[in-house]
Amino acid sequence: MMRMAMMTLGRKLALIALLVSTVGCDRVTKHFASATLANTPPQSYLADTLRLEYSENTGGFLSLGADWPPAVRTAVFTVGTSLILLATIIGVMRTGLNNAGLVALCLVAAGGISNIADRIAHGSVVDFLNVGIGPLRTGIFNVADIAITVGVALFALAEFRPRGGSGGQA
């Protein structure tokens, strides 16, 4: 029997709510960044630990592939990522992941869906967050990227931790 069929209605609704709220939060913050940060200098907060800086990223992680031809970028970052997300969602529905694993993959899917929506609509992803201390800084990223990163880390923790007597359920 498929894992999703065995899942309670409450768990299904919680995962859907997480997905929708994560995508919604990303969409709202990207809209805010586009409306208030575009064509302005970076804004610094918390002794320059946080910078808000508008950027349109046509590439992937840390702008990887931004200088590739548009057809290659579309094939890799829109079509390729969409196929990976679809395979991930199908995999989740067919496997017996624990609760933490399901939440993790839901976060990854939500971040991916929102970034793909940007790529389809605009050909690029809106990024606007940069954190760091002194010269040690991250690249510019967005809420969807945070969801993907947290999801990957949570999945690794959930799936690769030693199994105790709890039956593998988180």
Protein backbone atom coordinates (compact mmCIF):
# COMPACT_ATOMS: atom_id res chain seq x y z
CA MET A 1 0.00 0.00 0.00
CA MET A 2 1.28 3.48 -0.81
CA ARG A 3 2.54 5.59 2.08
CA MET A 4 0.23 8.53 1.25
CA ALA A 5 -2.82 6.25 1.33
CA MET A 6 -1.88 5.12 4.85
CA MET A 7 -1.22 8.64 6.09
CA THR A 8 -3.93 10.19 8.25
CA LEU A 9 -5.93 13.10 6.95
CA GLY A 10 -4.42 15.35 9.61
CA ARG A 11 -0.87 14.55 8.52
CA LYS A 12 -1.76 15.10 4.85
CA LEU A 13 -3.34 18.46 5.66
CA ALA A 14 -0.32 19.48 7.77
CA LEU A 15 2.06 18.68 4.90
CA ILE A 16 -0.13 20.56 2.42
CA ALA A 17 -0.29 23.53 4.81
CA LEU A 18 3.51 23.48 5.17
CA LEU A 19 3.96 23.39 1.41
CA VAL A 20 1.43 26.15 0.71
CA SER A 21 2.68 28.41 3.53
CA THR A 22 6.33 27.98 2.50
CA VAL A 23 5.58 28.79 -1.14
CA GLY A 24 3.37 31.69 -0.02
CA CYS A 25 6.03 33.13 2.27
CA ASP A 26 8.60 32.94 -0.52
CA ARG A 27 6.27 34.57 -3.05
CA VAL A 28 5.37 37.42 -0.65
CA THR A 29 9.00 38.13 0.29
CA LYS A 30 10.10 38.08 -3.36
CA HIS A 31 7.30 40.50 -4.22
CA PHE A 32 8.39 42.74 -1.34
CA ALA A 33 12.01 42.59 -2.54
CA SER A 34 11.01 43.42 -6.11
CA ALA A 35 8.81 46.32 -5.01
CA THR A 36 11.13 47.89 -2.43
CA LEU A 37 14.72 46.77 -3.06
CA ALA A 38 15.09 46.82 -6.86
CA ASN A 39 17.25 49.71 -8.07
CA THR A 40 18.28 50.68 -4.53
CA PRO A 41 21.61 50.22 -2.75
CA PRO A 42 21.96 47.28 -0.34
CA GLN A 43 20.45 47.86 3.10
CA SER A 44 22.42 46.75 6.14
CA TYR A 45 20.99 45.57 9.49
CA LEU A 46 22.31 44.13 12.76
CA ALA A 47 25.81 45.58 12.39
CA ASP A 48 25.95 44.37 8.76
CA THR A 49 25.14 40.79 9.72
CA LEU A 50 22.07 40.95 7.45
CA ARG A 51 21.98 42.72 4.10
CA LEU A 52 18.93 43.13 1.90
CA GLU A 53 20.14 43.38 -1.68
CA TYR A 54 18.00 42.81 -4.76
CA SER A 55 19.34 40.42 -7.36
CA GLU A 56 17.88 38.50 -10.28
CA ASN A 57 19.70 35.18 -10.55
CA THR A 58 19.52 33.47 -13.94
CA GLY A 59 21.80 30.68 -12.73
CA GLY A 60 21.57 28.13 -9.96
CA PHE A 61 23.20 27.97 -6.54
CA LEU A 62 25.63 30.91 -6.18
CA SER A 63 24.79 31.90 -9.79
CA LEU A 64 26.31 28.71 -11.20
CA GLY A 65 25.49 28.62 -14.90
CA ALA A 66 24.31 32.24 -15.12
CA ASP A 67 26.56 32.74 -18.17
CA TRP A 68 25.27 29.65 -19.99
CA PRO A 69 23.16 30.13 -23.12
CA PRO A 70 19.46 30.72 -22.27
CA ALA A 71 18.35 27.40 -23.82
CA VAL A 72 20.83 25.45 -21.68
CA ARG A 73 19.80 27.35 -18.52
CA THR A 74 16.14 26.60 -19.26
CA ALA A 75 16.87 22.93 -19.87
CA VAL A 76 18.92 22.52 -16.69
CA PHE A 77 17.28 24.89 -14.20
CA THR A 78 13.63 24.72 -15.27
CA VAL A 79 13.04 21.43 -17.04
CA GLY A 80 15.69 19.40 -15.22
CA THR A 81 14.75 20.72 -11.79
CA SER A 82 11.05 20.16 -12.52
CA LEU A 83 11.72 16.52 -13.41
CA ILE A 84 13.77 16.02 -10.24
CA LEU A 85 10.99 17.57 -8.13
CA LEU A 86 8.38 15.37 -9.80
CA ALA A 87 10.49 12.26 -9.17
CA THR A 88 10.97 13.35 -5.54
CA ILE A 89 7.24 13.81 -5.01
CA ILE A 90 6.48 10.43 -6.57
CA GLY A 91 9.21 8.86 -4.45
CA VAL A 92 7.76 10.36 -1.28
CA MET A 93 4.34 8.98 -2.13
CA ARG A 94 5.74 5.48 -2.63
CA THR A 95 8.15 5.20 0.28
CA GLY A 96 7.75 4.86 4.00
CA LEU A 97 9.48 7.98 5.25
CA ASN A 98 9.23 8.99 8.86
CA ASN A 99 7.53 12.28 9.78
CA ALA A 100 10.78 14.26 9.75
CA GLY A 101 11.65 12.88 6.32
CA LEU A 102 8.24 13.87 4.97
CA VAL A 103 8.54 17.39 6.39
CA ALA A 104 12.05 17.67 4.95
CA LEU A 105 11.03 16.66 1.44
CA CYS A 106 7.98 18.92 1.66
CA LEU A 107 10.29 21.88 2.37
CA VAL A 108 12.56 20.93 -0.54
CA ALA A 109 9.56 20.61 -2.86
CA ALA A 110 8.08 23.94 -1.73
CA GLY A 111 11.34 25.79 -2.29
CA GLY A 112 11.84 24.15 -5.65
CA ILE A 113 8.29 24.86 -6.79
CA SER A 114 8.55 28.54 -5.90
CA ASN A 115 11.92 29.02 -7.60
CA ILE A 116 10.70 27.17 -10.70
CA ALA A 117 7.65 29.46 -10.80
CA ASP A 118 10.06 32.43 -10.95
CA ARG A 119 12.08 30.83 -13.74
CA ILE A 120 8.97 30.08 -15.78
CA ALA A 121 7.48 33.55 -15.28
CA HIS A 122 10.64 35.70 -15.46
CA GLY A 123 13.59 33.56 -16.59
CA SER A 124 15.36 34.26 -13.30
CA VAL A 125 14.92 33.91 -9.54
CA VAL A 126 14.64 36.91 -7.23
CA ASP A 127 17.25 36.77 -4.47
CA PHE A 128 17.59 39.40 -1.74
CA LEU A 129 19.13 38.05 1.48
CA ASN A 130 22.82 38.05 2.38
CA VAL A 131 24.23 37.21 5.81
CA GLY A 132 27.70 37.21 7.24
CA ILE A 133 30.23 38.64 9.61
CA GLY A 134 32.90 40.93 8.24
CA PRO A 135 34.32 39.54 5.00
CA LEU A 136 32.79 36.09 5.60
CA ARG A 137 29.45 36.27 3.75
CA THR A 138 26.97 34.01 2.03
CA GLY A 139 25.84 34.45 -1.51
CA ILE A 140 22.54 36.24 -2.08
CA PHE A 141 19.57 33.93 -1.53
CA ASN A 142 15.81 33.87 -0.84
CA VAL A 143 13.25 32.13 1.41
CA ALA A 144 12.85 29.22 -1.05
CA ASP A 145 16.60 28.59 -0.80
CA ILE A 146 16.31 28.52 3.00
CA ALA A 147 13.47 25.98 2.76
CA ILE A 148 15.53 23.79 0.42
CA THR A 149 18.62 23.98 2.65
CA VAL A 150 16.68 23.26 5.85
CA GLY A 151 14.83 20.44 4.10
CA VAL A 152 18.04 18.78 2.87
CA ALA A 153 19.65 19.09 6.32
CA LEU A 154 16.55 17.74 8.07
CA PHE A 155 16.29 14.86 5.60
CA ALA A 156 19.94 13.93 6.19
CA LEU A 157 19.44 14.04 9.95
CA ALA A 158 16.18 12.09 9.80
CA GLU A 159 17.31 9.40 7.38
CA PHE A 160 20.89 8.85 8.45
CA ARG A 161 20.58 8.95 12.23
CA PRO A 162 20.84 5.63 14.04
CA ARG A 163 17.48 3.94 14.44
CA GLY A 164 16.48 3.35 18.01
CA GLY A 165 13.70 1.27 19.45
CA SER A 166 11.11 3.84 18.30
CA GLY A 167 10.48 2.01 15.04
CA GLY A 168 12.03 4.76 12.91
CA GLN A 169 9.16 7.19 13.36
CA ALA A 170 10.03 10.76 14.31
